C-alpha atoms as a PDB file:
ATOM      1  CA  MET A   1     -65.044 -33.214 -42.010  1.00  0.00           C
ATOM      2  CA  ALA A   2     -64.657 -36.824 -40.407  1.00  0.00           C
ATOM      3  CA  LEU A   3     -64.374 -39.455 -43.102  1.00  0.00           C
ATOM      4  CA  ILE A   4     -65.561 -42.142 -41.090  1.00  0.00           C
ATOM      5  CA  GLU A   5     -69.178 -41.517 -39.945  1.00  0.00           C
ATOM      6  CA  HIS A   6     -72.188 -43.309 -40.720  1.00  0.00           C
ATOM      7  CA  GLN A   7     -74.637 -41.355 -43.248  1.00  0.00           C
ATOM      8  CA  HIS A   8     -77.336 -42.067 -46.109  1.00  0.00           C
ATOM      9  CA  ILE A   9     -75.797 -42.779 -49.325  1.00  0.00           C
ATOM     10  CA  ARG A  10     -77.200 -40.733 -52.047  1.00  0.00           C
ATOM     11  CA  ALA A  11     -78.884 -43.176 -54.520  1.00  0.00           C
ATOM     12  CA  ASP A  12     -77.494 -41.209 -57.560  1.00  0.00           C
ATOM     13  CA  LEU A  13     -73.967 -41.553 -56.538  1.00  0.00           C
ATOM     14  CA  LYS A  14     -73.968 -45.006 -55.312  1.00  0.00           C
ATOM     15  CA  PRO A  15     -72.027 -47.526 -57.762  1.00  0.00           C
ATOM     16  CA  LEU A  16     -73.869 -50.150 -59.160  1.00  0.00           C
ATOM     17  CA  LEU A  17     -72.031 -53.480 -58.549  1.00  0.00           C
ATOM     18  CA  PRO A  18     -71.967 -55.621 -61.598  1.00  0.00           C
ATOM     19  CA  GLU A  19     -74.003 -58.935 -61.186  1.00  0.00           C
ATOM     20  CA  TRP A  20     -70.725 -61.131 -61.351  1.00  0.00           C
ATOM     21  CA  LEU A  21     -68.784 -58.803 -58.929  1.00  0.00           C
ATOM     22  CA  ALA A  22     -71.662 -58.815 -56.491  1.00  0.00           C
ATOM     23  CA  ASN A  23     -71.771 -62.481 -56.406  1.00  0.00           C
ATOM     24  CA  ARG A  24     -68.095 -63.025 -56.447  1.00  0.00           C
ATOM     25  CA  LEU A  25     -68.015 -60.957 -53.123  1.00  0.00           C
ATOM     26  CA  ARG A  26     -70.939 -62.759 -51.530  1.00  0.00           C
ATOM     27  CA  THR A  27     -69.136 -65.802 -52.214  1.00  0.00           C
ATOM     28  CA  LEU A  28     -65.838 -64.465 -50.859  1.00  0.00           C
ATOM     29  CA  ALA A  29     -67.847 -63.279 -47.595  1.00  0.00           C
ATOM     30  CA  LYS A  30     -69.545 -66.579 -47.108  1.00  0.00           C
ATOM     31  CA  SER A  31     -66.186 -68.298 -47.292  1.00  0.00           C
ATOM     32  CA  LEU A  32     -64.726 -66.320 -44.323  1.00  0.00           C
ATOM     33  CA  PRO A  33     -65.772 -67.597 -40.796  1.00  0.00           C
ATOM     34  CA  ASN A  34     -67.661 -65.268 -38.738  1.00  0.00           C
ATOM     35  CA  PRO A  35     -65.076 -63.887 -35.951  1.00  0.00           C
ATOM     36  CA  ASN A  36     -68.036 -63.580 -33.401  1.00  0.00           C
ATOM     37  CA  GLU A  37     -68.963 -67.085 -33.661  1.00  0.00           C
ATOM     38  CA  ALA A  38     -67.452 -70.608 -33.128  1.00  0.00           C
ATOM     39  CA  ALA A  39     -65.552 -71.491 -35.977  1.00  0.00           C
ATOM     40  CA  ASP A  40     -66.788 -74.771 -38.229  1.00  0.00           C
ATOM     41  CA  PRO A  41     -63.564 -76.781 -39.037  1.00  0.00           C
ATOM     42  CA  GLU A  42     -65.243 -77.194 -42.704  1.00  0.00           C
ATOM     43  CA  ASP A  43     -65.758 -73.272 -42.963  1.00  0.00           C
ATOM     44  CA  VAL A  44     -62.284 -72.620 -41.904  1.00  0.00           C
ATOM     45  CA  GLU A  45     -60.781 -75.098 -44.400  1.00  0.00           C
ATOM     46  CA  LYS A  46     -63.120 -73.088 -47.215  1.00  0.00           C
ATOM     47  CA  ALA A  47     -61.429 -69.933 -46.466  1.00  0.00           C
ATOM     48  CA  PRO A  48     -58.984 -68.428 -49.007  1.00  0.00           C
ATOM     49  CA  ARG A  49     -55.523 -69.425 -47.887  1.00  0.00           C
ATOM     50  CA  TYR A  50     -53.675 -66.777 -49.403  1.00  0.00           C
ATOM     51  CA  GLU A  51     -54.358 -62.985 -49.193  1.00  0.00           C
ATOM     52  CA  ALA A  52     -53.641 -62.766 -52.835  1.00  0.00           C
ATOM     53  CA  SER A  53     -57.138 -64.426 -53.430  1.00  0.00           C
ATOM     54  CA  THR A  54     -58.503 -61.079 -52.299  1.00  0.00           C
ATOM     55  CA  TYR A  55     -56.342 -58.929 -54.521  1.00  0.00           C
ATOM     56  CA  GLY A  56     -58.605 -59.269 -57.835  1.00  0.00           C
ATOM     57  CA  PRO A  57     -61.879 -58.711 -56.053  1.00  0.00           C
ATOM     58  CA  MET A  58     -60.634 -56.005 -54.011  1.00  0.00           C
ATOM     59  CA  ASN A  59     -58.904 -54.151 -57.114  1.00  0.00           C
ATOM     60  CA  ALA A  60     -62.183 -54.729 -59.134  1.00  0.00           C
ATOM     61  CA  SER A  61     -64.218 -52.887 -56.182  1.00  0.00           C
ATOM     62  CA  LEU A  62     -61.807 -49.991 -55.578  1.00  0.00           C
ATOM     63  CA  THR A  63     -61.578 -49.079 -59.547  1.00  0.00           C
ATOM     64  CA  LEU A  64     -65.277 -49.332 -59.597  1.00  0.00           C
ATOM     65  CA  PHE A  65     -65.770 -46.893 -56.591  1.00  0.00           C
ATOM     66  CA  PHE A  66     -62.971 -44.767 -57.674  1.00  0.00           C
ATOM     67  CA  PRO A  67     -63.121 -44.479 -61.246  1.00  0.00           C
ATOM     68  CA  THR A  68     -60.763 -42.419 -63.669  1.00  0.00           C
ATOM     69  CA  GLU A  69     -63.874 -40.306 -64.895  1.00  0.00           C
ATOM     70  CA  LEU A  70     -64.028 -38.634 -61.154  1.00  0.00           C
ATOM     71  CA  SER A  71     -60.307 -38.144 -61.215  1.00  0.00           C
ATOM     72  CA  PHE A  72     -59.259 -40.959 -59.079  1.00  0.00           C
ATOM     73  CA  MET A  73     -56.457 -43.622 -59.407  1.00  0.00           C
ATOM     74  CA  VAL A  74     -56.109 -46.960 -57.938  1.00  0.00           C
ATOM     75  CA  LYS A  75     -52.268 -47.889 -57.529  1.00  0.00           C
ATOM     76  CA  PRO A  76     -51.564 -51.520 -57.002  1.00  0.00           C
ATOM     77  CA  GLN A  77     -48.611 -52.149 -54.864  1.00  0.00           C
ATOM     78  CA  PRO A  78     -46.882 -49.014 -54.702  1.00  0.00           C
ATOM     79  CA  ARG A  79     -43.807 -48.275 -52.743  1.00  0.00           C
ATOM     80  CA  ILE A  80     -44.252 -45.436 -50.625  1.00  0.00           C
ATOM     81  CA  ARG A  81     -41.083 -43.116 -49.552  1.00  0.00           C
ATOM     82  CA  LYS A  82     -40.258 -41.225 -46.546  1.00  0.00           C
ATOM     83  CA  PRO A  83     -40.821 -37.621 -47.335  1.00  0.00           C
ATOM     84  CA  LEU A  84     -37.766 -35.412 -46.166  1.00  0.00           C
ATOM     85  CA  THR A  85     -38.503 -32.015 -44.417  1.00  0.00           C
ATOM     86  CA  PRO A  86     -37.189 -28.933 -46.009  1.00  0.00           C
ATOM     87  CA  ALA A  87     -34.317 -28.920 -43.227  1.00  0.00           C
ATOM     88  CA  GLN A  88     -33.328 -32.242 -44.111  1.00  0.00           C
ATOM     89  CA  VAL A  89     -33.546 -31.232 -48.017  1.00  0.00           C
ATOM     90  CA  ALA A  90     -31.165 -28.320 -47.003  1.00  0.00           C
ATOM     91  CA  SER A  91     -28.914 -30.468 -45.115  1.00  0.00           C
ATOM     92  CA  GLY A  92     -27.612 -32.227 -48.003  1.00  0.00           C
ATOM     93  CA  LYS A  93     -27.181 -35.544 -46.062  1.00  0.00           C
ATOM     94  CA  HIS A  94     -29.336 -37.637 -48.580  1.00  0.00           C
ATOM     95  CA  ALA A  95     -28.223 -36.026 -51.710  1.00  0.00           C
ATOM     96  CA  ARG A  96     -27.456 -39.354 -53.354  1.00  0.00           C
ATOM     97  CA  ASN A  97     -30.520 -41.045 -52.591  1.00  0.00           C
ATOM     98  CA  VAL A  98     -33.301 -38.372 -53.155  1.00  0.00           C
ATOM     99  CA  SER A  99     -35.996 -38.184 -55.730  1.00  0.00           C
ATOM    100  CA  THR A 100     -39.492 -36.492 -56.000  1.00  0.00           C
ATOM    101  CA  ASP A 101     -42.399 -39.035 -55.723  1.00  0.00           C
ATOM    102  CA  SER A 102     -45.724 -38.783 -57.470  1.00  0.00           C
ATOM    103  CA  TYR A 103     -47.257 -36.665 -54.317  1.00  0.00           C
ATOM    104  CA  ASN A 104     -44.562 -33.979 -54.967  1.00  0.00           C
ATOM    105  CA  ASN A 105     -42.549 -34.740 -51.891  1.00  0.00           C
ATOM    106  CA  ILE A 106     -38.903 -35.070 -51.951  1.00  0.00           C
ATOM    107  CA  VAL A 107     -38.003 -38.494 -50.470  1.00  0.00           C
ATOM    108  CA  HIS A 108     -35.343 -40.448 -49.617  1.00  0.00           C
ATOM    109  CA  ILE A 109     -34.938 -43.621 -51.678  1.00  0.00           C
ATOM    110  CA  ASN A 110     -34.463 -46.802 -49.594  1.00  0.00           C
ATOM    111  CA  ASP A 111     -35.129 -50.674 -50.439  1.00  0.00           C
ATOM    112  CA  LYS A 112     -36.987 -51.293 -47.336  1.00  0.00           C
ATOM    113  CA  ASP A 113     -39.789 -48.875 -48.071  1.00  0.00           C
ATOM    114  CA  PRO A 114     -43.024 -50.222 -47.440  1.00  0.00           C
ATOM    115  CA  ILE A 115     -45.261 -51.552 -50.147  1.00  0.00           C
ATOM    116  CA  PRO A 116     -49.003 -51.177 -49.390  1.00  0.00           C
ATOM    117  CA  ASP A 117     -51.437 -53.554 -51.306  1.00  0.00           C
ATOM    118  CA  PHE A 118     -53.290 -50.454 -52.944  1.00  0.00           C
ATOM    119  CA  ILE A 119     -53.202 -46.657 -52.581  1.00  0.00           C
ATOM    120  CA  VAL A 120     -56.225 -44.646 -53.841  1.00  0.00           C
ATOM    121  CA  CYS A 121     -55.262 -41.153 -54.902  1.00  0.00           C
ATOM    122  CA  ARG A 122     -56.743 -38.101 -56.749  1.00  0.00           C
ATOM    123  CA  GLY A 123     -55.026 -38.301 -59.955  1.00  0.00           C
ATOM    124  CA  GLY A 124     -53.321 -35.244 -61.594  1.00  0.00           C
ATOM    125  CA  ALA A 125     -51.895 -34.566 -65.118  1.00  0.00           C
ATOM    126  CA  GLY A 126     -48.362 -33.981 -63.960  1.00  0.00           C
ATOM    127  CA  LEU A 127     -45.985 -36.476 -62.675  1.00  0.00           C
ATOM    128  CA  HIS A 128     -45.933 -35.215 -59.223  1.00  0.00           C
ATOM    129  CA  ASP A 129     -49.555 -34.205 -58.961  1.00  0.00           C
ATOM    130  CA  ASP A 130     -51.374 -37.011 -57.125  1.00  0.00           C
ATOM    131  CA  THR A 131     -53.005 -36.630 -53.708  1.00  0.00           C
ATOM    132  CA  PRO A 132     -53.126 -39.584 -51.701  1.00  0.00           C
ATOM    133  CA  LEU A 133     -56.555 -40.286 -49.943  1.00  0.00           C
ATOM    134  CA  MET A 134     -56.684 -44.248 -48.821  1.00  0.00           C
ATOM    135  CA  ILE A 135     -54.128 -47.024 -48.319  1.00  0.00           C
ATOM    136  CA  VAL A 136     -55.550 -50.578 -48.342  1.00  0.00           C
ATOM    137  CA  GLU A 137     -53.582 -53.545 -46.886  1.00  0.00           C
ATOM    138  CA  VAL A 138     -55.081 -56.926 -47.046  1.00  0.00           C
ATOM    139  CA  LYS A 139     -54.227 -59.952 -44.908  1.00  0.00           C
ATOM    140  CA  ARG A 140     -55.473 -63.558 -44.977  1.00  0.00           C
ATOM    141  CA  HIS A 141     -58.059 -65.008 -42.685  1.00  0.00           C
ATOM    142  CA  GLY A 142     -56.700 -66.392 -39.573  1.00  0.00           C
ATOM    143  CA  GLU A 143     -54.058 -63.632 -38.894  1.00  0.00           C
ATOM    144  CA  THR A 144     -54.936 -60.702 -36.522  1.00  0.00           C
ATOM    145  CA  PHE A 145     -54.910 -56.944 -36.339  1.00  0.00           C
ATOM    146  CA  ALA A 146     -52.248 -57.143 -33.674  1.00  0.00           C
ATOM    147  CA  ASP A 147     -50.172 -59.151 -36.030  1.00  0.00           C
ATOM    148  CA  HIS A 148     -49.686 -56.081 -38.327  1.00  0.00           C
ATOM    149  CA  GLU A 149     -49.722 -52.976 -35.868  1.00  0.00           C
ATOM    150  CA  GLU A 150     -46.107 -52.123 -36.982  1.00  0.00           C
ATOM    151  CA  GLN A 151     -47.106 -52.066 -40.552  1.00  0.00           C
ATOM    152  CA  VAL A 152     -50.163 -50.230 -40.111  1.00  0.00           C
ATOM    153  CA  ALA A 153     -48.058 -47.575 -37.843  1.00  0.00           C
ATOM    154  CA  LYS A 154     -45.599 -47.102 -40.811  1.00  0.00           C
ATOM    155  CA  TYR A 155     -48.694 -46.326 -43.299  1.00  0.00           C
ATOM    156  CA  THR A 156     -50.289 -43.981 -40.629  1.00  0.00           C
ATOM    157  CA  ALA A 157     -46.836 -42.239 -39.981  1.00  0.00           C
ATOM    158  CA  TRP A 158     -46.323 -41.644 -43.544  1.00  0.00           C
ATOM    159  CA  ALA A 159     -49.897 -40.359 -44.191  1.00  0.00           C
ATOM    160  CA  GLN A 160     -49.528 -37.769 -41.167  1.00  0.00           C
ATOM    161  CA  ARG A 161     -46.106 -36.475 -42.314  1.00  0.00           C
ATOM    162  CA  GLU A 162     -45.648 -33.278 -43.438  1.00  0.00           C
ATOM    163  CA  GLY A 163     -43.423 -33.483 -46.751  1.00  0.00           C
ATOM    164  CA  THR A 164     -42.228 -30.704 -49.000  1.00  0.00           C
ATOM    165  CA  GLY A 165     -45.219 -31.268 -51.327  1.00  0.00           C
ATOM    166  CA  GLY A 166     -47.586 -29.821 -48.973  1.00  0.00           C
ATOM    167  CA  ARG A 167     -50.265 -32.835 -49.915  1.00  0.00           C
ATOM    168  CA  MET A 168     -49.479 -34.847 -46.807  1.00  0.00           C
ATOM    169  CA  GLY A 169     -51.512 -34.789 -43.495  1.00  0.00           C
ATOM    170  CA  SER A 170     -54.836 -34.113 -45.020  1.00  0.00           C
ATOM    171  CA  ASN A 171     -58.015 -36.375 -44.346  1.00  0.00           C
ATOM    172  CA  GLN A 172     -56.920 -39.917 -45.506  1.00  0.00           C
ATOM    173  CA  ILE A 173     -57.980 -43.521 -44.428  1.00  0.00           C
ATOM    174  CA  VAL A 174     -55.834 -46.537 -43.740  1.00  0.00           C
ATOM    175  CA  MET A 175     -57.721 -49.678 -44.138  1.00  0.00           C
ATOM    176  CA  LEU A 176     -56.333 -52.979 -43.131  1.00  0.00           C
ATOM    177  CA  VAL A 177     -58.543 -56.111 -44.170  1.00  0.00           C
ATOM    178  CA  VAL A 178     -57.970 -59.154 -42.198  1.00  0.00           C
ATOM    179  CA  GLY A 179     -60.403 -62.119 -43.443  1.00  0.00           C
ATOM    180  CA  SER A 180     -63.804 -61.195 -42.355  1.00  0.00           C
ATOM    181  CA  GLU A 181     -63.052 -58.136 -40.554  1.00  0.00           C
ATOM    182  CA  THR A 182     -61.692 -54.608 -41.621  1.00  0.00           C
ATOM    183  CA  ARG A 183     -60.212 -52.042 -39.403  1.00  0.00           C
ATOM    184  CA  CYS A 184     -60.136 -48.299 -40.639  1.00  0.00           C
ATOM    185  CA  LEU A 185     -58.154 -45.518 -39.275  1.00  0.00           C
ATOM    186  CA  SER A 186     -59.322 -42.078 -40.206  1.00  0.00           C
ATOM    187  CA  ILE A 187     -56.203 -39.742 -40.121  1.00  0.00           C
ATOM    188  CA  ALA A 188     -56.486 -35.988 -40.017  1.00  0.00           C
ATOM    189  CA  GLY A 189     -53.076 -34.189 -39.501  1.00  0.00           C
ATOM    190  CA  GLU A 190     -51.152 -35.124 -36.387  1.00  0.00           C
ATOM    191  CA  GLU A 191     -54.395 -36.173 -34.172  1.00  0.00           C
ATOM    192  CA  GLU A 192     -54.730 -39.491 -32.816  1.00  0.00           C
ATOM    193  CA  PRO A 193     -56.417 -41.385 -35.951  1.00  0.00           C
ATOM    194  CA  ALA A 194     -59.816 -42.562 -35.025  1.00  0.00           C
ATOM    195  CA  SER A 195     -60.552 -46.102 -35.337  1.00  0.00           C
ATOM    196  CA  ILE A 196     -63.732 -48.506 -36.363  1.00  0.00           C
ATOM    197  CA  THR A 197     -63.751 -52.168 -37.195  1.00  0.00           C
ATOM    198  CA  VAL A 198     -66.315 -53.143 -39.869  1.00  0.00           C
ATOM    199  CA  ASP A 199     -67.353 -56.186 -41.795  1.00  0.00           C
ATOM    200  CA  THR A 200     -65.232 -56.990 -44.858  1.00  0.00           C
ATOM    201  CA  TRP A 201     -67.269 -56.571 -48.054  1.00  0.00           C
ATOM    202  CA  GLY A 202     -70.244 -55.252 -45.723  1.00  0.00           C
ATOM    203  CA  TRP A 203     -72.589 -52.083 -46.127  1.00  0.00           C
ATOM    204  CA  ASP A 204     -70.509 -50.322 -43.605  1.00  0.00           C
ATOM    205  CA  MET A 205     -67.083 -50.591 -45.351  1.00  0.00           C
ATOM    206  CA  PHE A 206     -68.728 -49.466 -48.749  1.00  0.00           C
ATOM    207  CA  GLU A 207     -70.256 -46.652 -47.099  1.00  0.00           C
ATOM    208  CA  ILE A 208     -66.757 -45.455 -46.002  1.00  0.00           C
ATOM    209  CA  TRP A 209     -65.720 -45.708 -49.752  1.00  0.00           C
ATOM    210  CA  GLN A 210     -68.581 -43.818 -50.742  1.00  0.00           C
ATOM    211  CA  GLN A 211     -68.038 -40.936 -48.518  1.00  0.00           C
ATOM    212  CA  LEU A 212     -64.546 -40.626 -49.611  1.00  0.00           C
ATOM    213  CA  ARG A 213     -65.797 -40.666 -53.022  1.00  0.00           C
ATOM    214  CA  GLN A 214     -68.030 -37.958 -52.360  1.00  0.00           C
ATOM    215  CA  ALA A 215     -65.712 -35.837 -50.624  1.00  0.00           C
ATOM    216  CA  SER A 216     -62.811 -36.186 -53.097  1.00  0.00           C
ATOM    217  CA  GLY A 217     -64.250 -36.969 -56.504  1.00  0.00           C
ATOM    218  CA  ALA A 218     -64.556 -34.186 -59.298  1.00  0.00           C
ATOM    219  CA  GLN A 219     -65.659 -35.144 -62.838  1.00  0.00           C
ATOM    220  CA  ALA A 220     -62.671 -35.469 -65.125  1.00  0.00           C
ATOM    221  CA  ALA A 221     -62.680 -33.459 -68.595  1.00  0.00           C
ATOM    222  CA  SER A 222     -62.351 -35.814 -71.359  1.00  0.00           C
ATOM    223  CA  ALA A 223     -59.684 -35.795 -73.785  1.00  0.00           C
ATOM    224  CA  ALA A 224     -58.608 -37.116 -77.322  1.00  0.00           C
ATOM    225  CA  TYR A 225     -55.927 -39.693 -76.759  1.00  0.00           C
ATOM    226  CA  PRO A 226     -53.710 -40.845 -78.143  1.00  0.00           C
ATOM    227  CA  PRO A 227     -53.298 -38.138 -80.831  1.00  0.00           C
ATOM    228  CA  ARG A 228     -54.089 -39.197 -84.419  1.00  0.00           C
ATOM    229  CA  PRO A 229     -50.787 -39.797 -86.741  1.00  0.00           C
ATOM    230  CA  ALA A 230     -50.553 -36.685 -89.016  1.00  0.00           C
ATOM    231  CA  LEU A 231     -51.651 -37.604 -92.569  1.00  0.00           C
END
């Protein structure tokens, strides 16, 4: 199914924003000039100067929508490695710099590997059992989508690539947040990604998250941890 489409959100599955977070997001949204209107110099001056100003609210919102009790894991600034194909593994060319990532792909280790701001995944019990669902990259107001096409292309290629783990290429989202606007790419295998642009912190952005949550979440079993010391 397409992950990016507008549907009604079931009331019983809609996360409730804590009042402080809802007010924080309103304040943040109001501080960002509307790209469709002439910018007031005073409004531009009030806008956050650094993308890091958005990291906290974004992390809080992602962990609210994608909680561990529904089997999700939000990874801040994870390094993503290039998966090797079975043929590349068999050739032995990368034998010295090879590892297995948390998505069960055999990967080539490189210090220049991309580091997105967040990855939302389905978490697993094993070290290599995670399934990537959404990549989120945050940029400050004043930049443009065009400024980051190369970076987004790397994320898209990573999401589309069939690795040895068999978990790449399924429906995923790449979300680029640039100030008051957010571009969402829906990725399904090697098809050309579908793209829409929505308001940052607006209803449409949260609706996309909610659809991903409903499509991929599963109630996690509880466990006693850490184990109690033996008497």
